[in-house]
Protein backbone atom coordinates (compact mmCIF):
# COMPACT_ATOMS: atom_id res chain seq x y z
CA UNK A 1 8.07 -106.66 94.62
CA UNK A 2 11.32 -105.89 93.94
CA UNK A 3 13.26 -107.21 90.07
CA UNK A 4 15.27 -109.97 91.24
CA UNK A 5 18.43 -111.52 88.79
CA UNK A 6 17.75 -114.55 87.03
CA UNK A 7 19.49 -117.53 86.86
CA UNK A 8 21.60 -116.67 83.82
CA UNK A 9 22.66 -113.46 85.25
CA UNK A 10 23.90 -115.59 88.60
CA UNK A 11 25.91 -117.53 86.13
CA UNK A 12 27.24 -114.44 84.50
CA UNK A 13 28.21 -112.65 87.44
CA UNK A 14 32.00 -114.16 88.11
CA UNK A 15 33.08 -113.60 84.21
CA UNK A 16 31.56 -109.77 84.62
CA UNK A 17 32.87 -109.31 87.91
CA UNK A 18 36.88 -110.73 86.55
CA UNK A 19 36.60 -108.65 83.54
CA UNK A 20 35.66 -105.50 85.07
CA UNK A 21 38.48 -106.32 88.02
CA UNK A 22 41.32 -106.52 84.79
CA UNK A 23 40.29 -103.25 83.03
CA UNK A 24 40.26 -101.67 86.26
CA UNK A 25 43.83 -102.89 87.16
CA UNK A 26 44.67 -101.96 83.65
CA UNK A 27 43.48 -98.36 83.99
CA UNK A 28 45.02 -98.21 87.28
CA UNK A 29 48.40 -98.42 85.57
CA UNK A 30 47.97 -96.30 82.67
CA UNK A 31 49.29 -93.04 84.20
CA UNK A 32 52.47 -94.38 85.95
CA UNK A 33 55.10 -96.70 85.22
CA UNK A 34 58.76 -96.48 86.78
CA UNK A 35 60.35 -100.14 86.16
CA UNK A 36 62.87 -100.20 88.58
CA UNK A 37 59.90 -99.73 91.14
CA UNK A 38 57.22 -101.16 89.89
CA UNK A 39 56.15 -104.79 91.34
CA UNK A 40 53.00 -105.00 88.20
CA UNK A 41 52.09 -108.28 87.31
CA UNK A 42 51.55 -108.52 83.54
CA UNK A 43 49.08 -111.46 81.84
CA UNK A 44 50.73 -112.94 78.60
CA UNK A 45 49.53 -115.87 76.89
CA UNK A 46 51.74 -117.56 74.54
CA UNK A 47 52.57 -120.52 71.85
CA UNK A 48 54.86 -123.05 72.71
CA UNK A 49 56.64 -121.15 70.43
CA UNK A 50 57.29 -117.91 72.38
CA UNK A 51 57.72 -120.16 75.81
CA UNK A 52 60.87 -121.93 74.21
CA UNK A 53 62.34 -118.51 72.10
CA UNK A 54 60.84 -115.80 73.93
CA UNK A 55 60.31 -116.32 77.83
CA UNK A 56 63.64 -117.24 78.52
CA UNK A 57 64.90 -113.83 77.53
CA UNK A 58 62.10 -111.84 78.62
CA UNK A 59 62.61 -113.16 82.35
CA UNK A 60 66.32 -112.25 82.19
CA UNK A 61 65.64 -108.73 80.78
CA UNK A 62 63.17 -108.23 83.81
CA UNK A 63 65.48 -109.84 86.56
CA UNK A 64 68.08 -107.10 85.43
CA UNK A 65 65.79 -104.06 84.65
CA UNK A 66 62.37 -104.47 86.28
CA UNK A 67 63.01 -106.55 88.96
CA UNK A 68 59.90 -106.80 90.91
CA UNK A 69 57.50 -107.13 87.91
CA UNK A 70 56.10 -110.69 87.53
CA UNK A 71 54.17 -112.71 84.85
CA UNK A 72 51.45 -114.97 84.71
CA UNK A 73 51.66 -116.97 81.33
CA UNK A 74 49.13 -118.90 79.90
CA UNK A 75 48.98 -121.00 76.72
CA UNK A 76 47.16 -119.31 73.62
CA UNK A 77 44.00 -121.27 73.13
CA UNK A 78 40.89 -120.48 70.97
CA UNK A 79 39.49 -118.41 73.32
CA UNK A 80 42.60 -115.81 72.78
CA UNK A 81 40.66 -112.84 71.13
CA UNK A 82 38.11 -112.85 73.85
CA UNK A 83 40.93 -112.74 76.64
CA UNK A 84 42.29 -109.65 75.06
CA UNK A 85 39.09 -107.82 74.81
CA UNK A 86 38.25 -108.02 78.12
CA UNK A 87 41.33 -107.39 79.48
CA UNK A 88 42.32 -111.24 81.01
CA UNK A 89 45.36 -111.34 78.54
CA UNK A 90 47.54 -108.07 77.81
CA UNK A 91 49.60 -109.33 75.26
CA UNK A 92 49.77 -112.78 73.18
CA UNK A 93 52.60 -114.06 71.57
CA UNK A 94 51.78 -116.39 68.44
CA UNK A 95 52.97 -117.58 65.44
CA UNK A 96 50.10 -118.84 63.41
CA UNK A 97 48.19 -115.53 62.83
CA UNK A 98 44.58 -116.37 62.98
CA UNK A 99 43.62 -113.43 65.37
CA UNK A 100 41.81 -110.95 63.87
CA UNK A 101 43.83 -107.69 62.11
CA UNK A 102 41.69 -105.38 64.47
CA UNK A 103 44.19 -106.07 67.27
CA UNK A 104 47.13 -104.10 67.25
CA UNK A 105 50.17 -106.39 66.36
CA UNK A 106 54.07 -106.24 65.69
CA UNK A 107 56.24 -108.33 63.78
CA UNK A 108 58.86 -110.01 65.79
CA UNK A 109 60.91 -112.61 63.91
CA UNK A 110 60.19 -114.30 60.74
CA UNK A 111 61.42 -118.26 61.16
CA UNK A 112 62.15 -120.18 57.81
CA UNK A 113 61.53 -123.45 57.85
CA UNK A 114 63.79 -126.29 57.84
CA UNK A 115 64.05 -130.20 58.46
CA UNK A 116 64.37 -132.22 61.68
CA UNK A 117 65.81 -135.70 61.68
CA UNK A 118 67.90 -137.92 63.88
CA UNK A 119 71.66 -137.00 63.57
CA UNK A 120 71.70 -141.10 62.84
CA UNK A 121 69.37 -141.37 60.64
CA UNK A 122 69.67 -144.29 58.33
CA UNK A 123 68.78 -142.50 54.60
CA UNK A 124 68.70 -138.65 54.98
CA UNK A 125 72.25 -136.62 55.12
CA UNK A 126 71.93 -132.77 54.49
CA UNK A 127 68.94 -132.47 52.77
CA UNK A 128 65.33 -134.18 52.41
CA UNK A 129 64.88 -135.19 48.52
CA UNK A 130 61.17 -135.32 47.53
CA UNK A 131 60.43 -138.82 47.47
CA UNK A 132 61.66 -139.25 51.23
CA UNK A 133 59.53 -136.13 52.24
CA UNK A 134 56.41 -137.78 50.76
CA UNK A 135 57.27 -141.65 51.78
CA UNK A 136 58.93 -141.21 55.31
CA UNK A 137 56.38 -140.79 58.48
CA UNK A 138 55.94 -137.29 59.72
CA UNK A 139 55.89 -135.89 63.19
CA UNK A 140 53.61 -132.69 63.61
CA UNK A 141 52.07 -130.96 66.60
CA UNK A 142 48.34 -129.83 66.59
CA UNK A 143 47.69 -126.95 68.88
CA UNK A 144 45.84 -123.70 68.53
CA UNK A 145 47.56 -120.92 67.19
CA UNK A 146 50.80 -122.85 67.32
CA UNK A 147 53.22 -121.93 64.91
CA UNK A 148 52.97 -125.87 63.72
CA UNK A 149 49.65 -124.83 62.72
CA UNK A 150 51.12 -122.31 59.85
CA UNK A 151 53.30 -124.39 58.59
CA UNK A 152 50.99 -127.10 58.15
CA UNK A 153 48.90 -124.66 56.33
CA UNK A 154 52.16 -123.37 53.87
CA UNK A 155 52.39 -127.00 52.92
CA UNK A 156 48.88 -128.00 52.25
CA UNK A 157 48.65 -124.98 49.94
CA UNK A 158 51.39 -126.00 48.03
CA UNK A 159 49.70 -129.27 47.64
CA UNK A 160 52.59 -131.14 48.89
CA UNK A 161 51.75 -134.48 50.46
CA UNK A 162 52.78 -136.24 53.38
CA UNK A 163 52.72 -139.06 55.71
CA UNK A 164 51.52 -138.09 58.78
CA UNK A 165 53.04 -140.79 61.77
CA UNK A 166 52.53 -139.40 64.64
CA UNK A 167 50.68 -135.81 66.35
CA UNK A 168 51.52 -134.20 69.04
CA UNK A 169 49.95 -131.74 71.63
CA UNK A 170 53.41 -129.92 72.70
CA UNK A 171 57.14 -130.28 71.77
CA UNK A 172 57.73 -131.82 75.24
CA UNK A 173 59.35 -135.25 73.85
CA UNK A 174 59.70 -134.09 70.68
CA UNK A 175 63.49 -134.54 70.22
CA UNK A 176 63.27 -137.54 71.96
CA UNK A 177 60.88 -139.06 69.39
CA UNK A 178 62.86 -138.41 66.33
CA UNK A 179 66.14 -139.55 67.71
CA UNK A 180 64.90 -142.70 67.95
CA UNK A 181 62.84 -143.27 64.93
CA UNK A 182 63.31 -142.52 61.21
CA UNK A 183 60.28 -140.17 61.48
CA UNK A 184 60.89 -136.41 59.83
CA UNK A 185 59.57 -132.75 60.91
CA UNK A 186 59.11 -129.51 59.46
CA UNK A 187 59.76 -126.54 61.65
CA UNK A 188 60.43 -122.99 61.71
CA UNK A 189 64.29 -122.97 62.17
CA UNK A 190 64.42 -121.01 65.38
CA UNK A 191 62.24 -124.29 67.20
CA UNK A 192 64.37 -126.35 65.00
CA UNK A 193 67.25 -125.20 66.72
CA UNK A 194 66.47 -125.43 70.10
CA UNK A 195 65.11 -128.60 70.16
CA UNK A 196 68.38 -129.75 68.56
CA UNK A 197 70.60 -128.67 71.27
CA UNK A 198 68.38 -131.09 73.71
CA UNK A 199 69.02 -133.91 71.46
CA UNK A 200 71.03 -135.91 68.97
CA UNK A 201 69.15 -134.98 65.75
CA UNK A 202 69.98 -132.45 62.87
CA UNK A 203 69.05 -129.73 60.84
CA UNK A 204 68.57 -130.68 57.02
CA UNK A 205 67.57 -128.97 53.67
CA UNK A 206 63.98 -129.28 51.95
CA UNK A 207 63.44 -129.81 48.45
CA UNK A 208 61.53 -126.66 48.25
CA UNK A 209 60.96 -123.28 49.70
CA UNK A 210 58.41 -121.57 51.62
CA UNK A 211 57.78 -118.42 53.17
CA UNK A 212 58.92 -117.97 56.58
CA UNK A 213 56.79 -118.26 59.75
CA UNK A 214 55.92 -114.83 61.15
CA UNK A 215 55.64 -114.45 64.96
CA UNK A 216 53.82 -111.00 66.38
CA UNK A 217 53.01 -109.74 69.76
CA UNK A 218 49.18 -108.60 69.95
CA UNK A 219 47.18 -106.25 72.20
CA UNK A 220 44.24 -104.73 72.05
CA UNK A 221 43.50 -100.91 71.51
CA UNK A 222 42.67 -100.19 75.24
CA UNK A 223 46.52 -101.36 76.00
CA UNK A 224 48.18 -98.94 73.89
CA UNK A 225 48.52 -96.00 75.76
CA UNK A 226 49.45 -97.88 78.94
CA UNK A 227 52.69 -96.74 80.01
CA UNK A 228 53.68 -100.31 81.35
CA UNK A 229 52.37 -101.86 78.83
CA UNK A 230 54.40 -99.65 76.12
CA UNK A 231 57.32 -100.32 78.04
CA UNK A 232 56.86 -104.15 78.05
CA UNK A 233 55.96 -104.36 74.27
CA UNK A 234 59.64 -102.29 73.30
CA UNK A 235 61.18 -104.45 76.08
CA UNK A 236 59.94 -107.80 74.07
CA UNK A 237 60.29 -106.35 70.54
CA UNK A 238 64.39 -106.01 70.92
CA UNK A 239 64.57 -109.56 72.02
CA UNK A 240 65.90 -111.69 69.30
CA UNK A 241 66.32 -115.33 69.54
CA UNK A 242 68.83 -117.02 67.86
CA UNK A 243 67.88 -119.90 64.79
């Protein structure tokens, strides 16, 4: 009687096949890449920081220099290290660290922290005081590897107390919530600037100074010499969002 795969082996087959397909796809593109002719699809994961700041500019660049290249974009999750390792994701754009140092990485921008409140806030003018910071309710976004996670860590490390009035999973309704309430938020300046364009809210000074939030692109060592991958990383590295 021959050997038969176990139920566990059968369960693993789809994941193994997906990883093998991703690796084969990666190897096929290593030796030749012509941006103007390529119809390659790149798999990228981004935090909302990346979706708001980088994706529109990346697409604009691609339409100009590589019109047939396409992207498959997903959110950065807690599985990002596994996804980079097995090739399901080729590049990750993240602003909160948490991705191990053995992945290749490149600093893209550093964004100072700022306050964000309704333009018609009854108490806050150009700056938030320490007393206001601790007393007034805060709005925060909680998501894996998001820029807000790094912000929360920095505030906590300084022993700064605050009252979190609302936790959100995304920035979708952020501007409307701030402009219709007396809440405040502490965000990287680049993100705050984008949100302020879409709502009646304003950037305000903080009563303390913290290190800026670093935003990086990450990739696995196997991708380093892939010509198409190198080209896309270089394109991303030249983008400078305003903020």
